[in-house]
Amino acid sequence: MLRNVIVVRDSEESVKHAVREILRSKHRGHEFALDLTRITDKERKRQIMKQLTRFNN
């Protein structure tokens, strides 16, 4: 099975792109992994993760 790695940076455009990629991967039946290593601020990373997990279920 294919797994897409979605890289998320600390910008709103990157988060919107990640949401789009999550929904596209789910529709196609692909697995995906989020790469949040480029976000240094822990609070911002937590906020983005909450936003993205809403689309993960």
N, C-alpha and C. Protein backbone atom coordinates (compact mmCIF):
# COMPACT_ATOMS: atom_id res chain seq x y z
N MET A 1 0.85 -1.19 0.00
CA MET A 1 0.00 0.00 0.00
C MET A 1 0.89 1.24 0.00
N LEU A 2 0.45 2.25 -0.70
CA LEU A 2 1.21 3.49 -0.78
C LEU A 2 1.05 4.32 0.49
N ARG A 3 2.10 4.99 0.85
CA ARG A 3 2.04 5.92 1.98
C ARG A 3 2.59 7.26 1.54
N ASN A 4 1.78 8.27 1.68
CA ASN A 4 2.21 9.63 1.34
C ASN A 4 2.74 10.30 2.59
N VAL A 5 3.87 10.97 2.48
CA VAL A 5 4.41 11.76 3.58
C VAL A 5 4.08 13.22 3.28
N ILE A 6 3.33 13.82 4.18
CA ILE A 6 2.87 15.20 4.00
C ILE A 6 3.71 16.09 4.91
N VAL A 7 4.49 16.96 4.32
CA VAL A 7 5.37 17.86 5.07
C VAL A 7 4.58 19.13 5.39
N VAL A 8 4.55 19.50 6.67
CA VAL A 8 3.82 20.68 7.11
C VAL A 8 4.83 21.69 7.67
N ARG A 9 4.77 22.90 7.15
CA ARG A 9 5.62 23.98 7.65
C ARG A 9 4.77 24.93 8.48
N ASP A 10 5.38 25.91 9.06
CA ASP A 10 4.69 26.82 9.98
C ASP A 10 4.05 27.99 9.24
N SER A 11 3.16 27.69 8.30
CA SER A 11 2.43 28.75 7.60
C SER A 11 1.02 28.24 7.33
N GLU A 12 0.11 29.17 7.21
CA GLU A 12 -1.29 28.79 6.99
C GLU A 12 -1.46 28.13 5.62
N GLU A 13 -0.71 28.57 4.65
CA GLU A 13 -0.80 27.97 3.31
C GLU A 13 -0.38 26.50 3.35
N SER A 14 0.66 26.20 4.12
CA SER A 14 1.13 24.83 4.25
C SER A 14 0.09 23.95 4.95
N VAL A 15 -0.57 24.51 5.96
CA VAL A 15 -1.60 23.75 6.68
C VAL A 15 -2.79 23.47 5.76
N LYS A 16 -3.19 24.46 4.97
CA LYS A 16 -4.29 24.25 4.03
C LYS A 16 -3.93 23.19 2.99
N HIS A 17 -2.71 23.23 2.53
CA HIS A 17 -2.24 22.24 1.57
C HIS A 17 -2.25 20.84 2.20
N ALA A 18 -1.84 20.75 3.48
CA ALA A 18 -1.83 19.46 4.17
C ALA A 18 -3.24 18.90 4.32
N VAL A 19 -4.21 19.76 4.64
CA VAL A 19 -5.60 19.32 4.76
C VAL A 19 -6.07 18.77 3.42
N ARG A 20 -5.76 19.46 2.36
CA ARG A 20 -6.14 19.01 1.02
C ARG A 20 -5.51 17.66 0.70
N GLU A 21 -4.24 17.49 1.05
CA GLU A 21 -3.54 16.23 0.78
C GLU A 21 -4.10 15.09 1.64
N ILE A 22 -4.47 15.38 2.89
CA ILE A 22 -5.06 14.36 3.75
C ILE A 22 -6.37 13.86 3.16
N LEU A 23 -7.22 14.78 2.77
CA LEU A 23 -8.50 14.39 2.20
C LEU A 23 -8.32 13.64 0.88
N ARG A 24 -7.38 14.06 0.07
CA ARG A 24 -7.11 13.39 -1.21
C ARG A 24 -6.60 11.97 -0.97
N SER A 25 -5.70 11.81 0.01
CA SER A 25 -5.15 10.48 0.31
C SER A 25 -6.23 9.55 0.85
N LYS A 26 -7.07 10.07 1.72
CA LYS A 26 -8.14 9.24 2.27
C LYS A 26 -9.10 8.80 1.18
N HIS A 27 -9.42 9.70 0.26
CA HIS A 27 -10.34 9.37 -0.82
C HIS A 27 -9.76 8.29 -1.74
N ARG A 28 -8.47 8.35 -1.98
CA ARG A 28 -7.83 7.37 -2.85
C ARG A 28 -7.49 6.07 -2.13
N GLY A 29 -7.64 6.04 -0.81
CA GLY A 29 -7.34 4.83 -0.05
C GLY A 29 -5.88 4.67 0.30
N HIS A 30 -5.11 5.76 0.23
CA HIS A 30 -3.69 5.71 0.57
C HIS A 30 -3.50 6.02 2.05
N GLU A 31 -2.46 5.45 2.61
CA GLU A 31 -2.06 5.84 3.95
C GLU A 31 -1.24 7.12 3.84
N PHE A 32 -1.15 7.85 4.95
CA PHE A 32 -0.34 9.06 4.93
C PHE A 32 0.30 9.26 6.29
N ALA A 33 1.39 9.98 6.30
CA ALA A 33 2.10 10.32 7.52
C ALA A 33 2.38 11.82 7.49
N LEU A 34 2.25 12.45 8.64
CA LEU A 34 2.51 13.89 8.73
C LEU A 34 3.93 14.12 9.24
N ASP A 35 4.65 15.01 8.60
CA ASP A 35 5.99 15.38 9.01
C ASP A 35 5.93 16.80 9.56
N LEU A 36 5.99 16.91 10.88
CA LEU A 36 5.89 18.21 11.55
C LEU A 36 7.24 18.68 12.10
N THR A 37 8.33 18.08 11.64
CA THR A 37 9.64 18.39 12.21
C THR A 37 10.12 19.79 11.88
N ARG A 38 9.55 20.44 10.88
CA ARG A 38 10.00 21.78 10.51
C ARG A 38 9.34 22.88 11.35
N ILE A 39 8.46 22.49 12.25
CA ILE A 39 7.81 23.46 13.15
C ILE A 39 8.54 23.39 14.48
N THR A 40 9.12 24.50 14.90
CA THR A 40 9.94 24.49 16.11
C THR A 40 9.15 24.83 17.36
N ASP A 41 8.14 25.66 17.26
CA ASP A 41 7.36 26.08 18.41
C ASP A 41 6.40 24.96 18.83
N LYS A 42 6.53 24.46 20.06
CA LYS A 42 5.71 23.34 20.51
C LYS A 42 4.23 23.67 20.56
N GLU A 43 3.90 24.86 21.01
CA GLU A 43 2.49 25.25 21.11
C GLU A 43 1.86 25.34 19.72
N ARG A 44 2.60 25.90 18.78
CA ARG A 44 2.10 26.00 17.40
C ARG A 44 1.95 24.60 16.78
N LYS A 45 2.90 23.72 17.07
CA LYS A 45 2.82 22.34 16.57
C LYS A 45 1.59 21.64 17.11
N ARG A 46 1.30 21.84 18.39
CA ARG A 46 0.13 21.24 19.01
C ARG A 46 -1.16 21.78 18.38
N GLN A 47 -1.20 23.07 18.12
CA GLN A 47 -2.36 23.70 17.50
C GLN A 47 -2.59 23.15 16.08
N ILE A 48 -1.53 23.02 15.31
CA ILE A 48 -1.65 22.49 13.96
C ILE A 48 -2.07 21.03 13.99
N MET A 49 -1.52 20.27 14.92
CA MET A 49 -1.88 18.86 15.02
C MET A 49 -3.36 18.68 15.35
N LYS A 50 -3.89 19.51 16.25
CA LYS A 50 -5.32 19.46 16.56
C LYS A 50 -6.15 19.75 15.32
N GLN A 51 -5.72 20.71 14.55
CA GLN A 51 -6.44 21.10 13.34
C GLN A 51 -6.42 19.97 12.30
N LEU A 52 -5.29 19.30 12.17
CA LEU A 52 -5.15 18.26 11.14
C LEU A 52 -5.79 16.93 11.55
N THR A 53 -5.82 16.63 12.83
CA THR A 53 -6.43 15.37 13.25
C THR A 53 -7.94 15.39 13.10
N ARG A 54 -8.51 16.57 12.99
CA ARG A 54 -9.95 16.68 12.74
C ARG A 54 -10.30 16.04 11.40
N PHE A 55 -9.40 16.12 10.43
CA PHE A 55 -9.64 15.55 9.10
C PHE A 55 -9.14 14.11 9.01
N ASN A 56 -8.44 13.64 10.02
CA ASN A 56 -7.83 12.33 9.99
C ASN A 56 -8.85 11.22 10.25
N ASN A 57 -9.92 11.51 10.95
CA ASN A 57 -10.87 10.45 11.32
C ASN A 57 -11.82 10.11 10.25
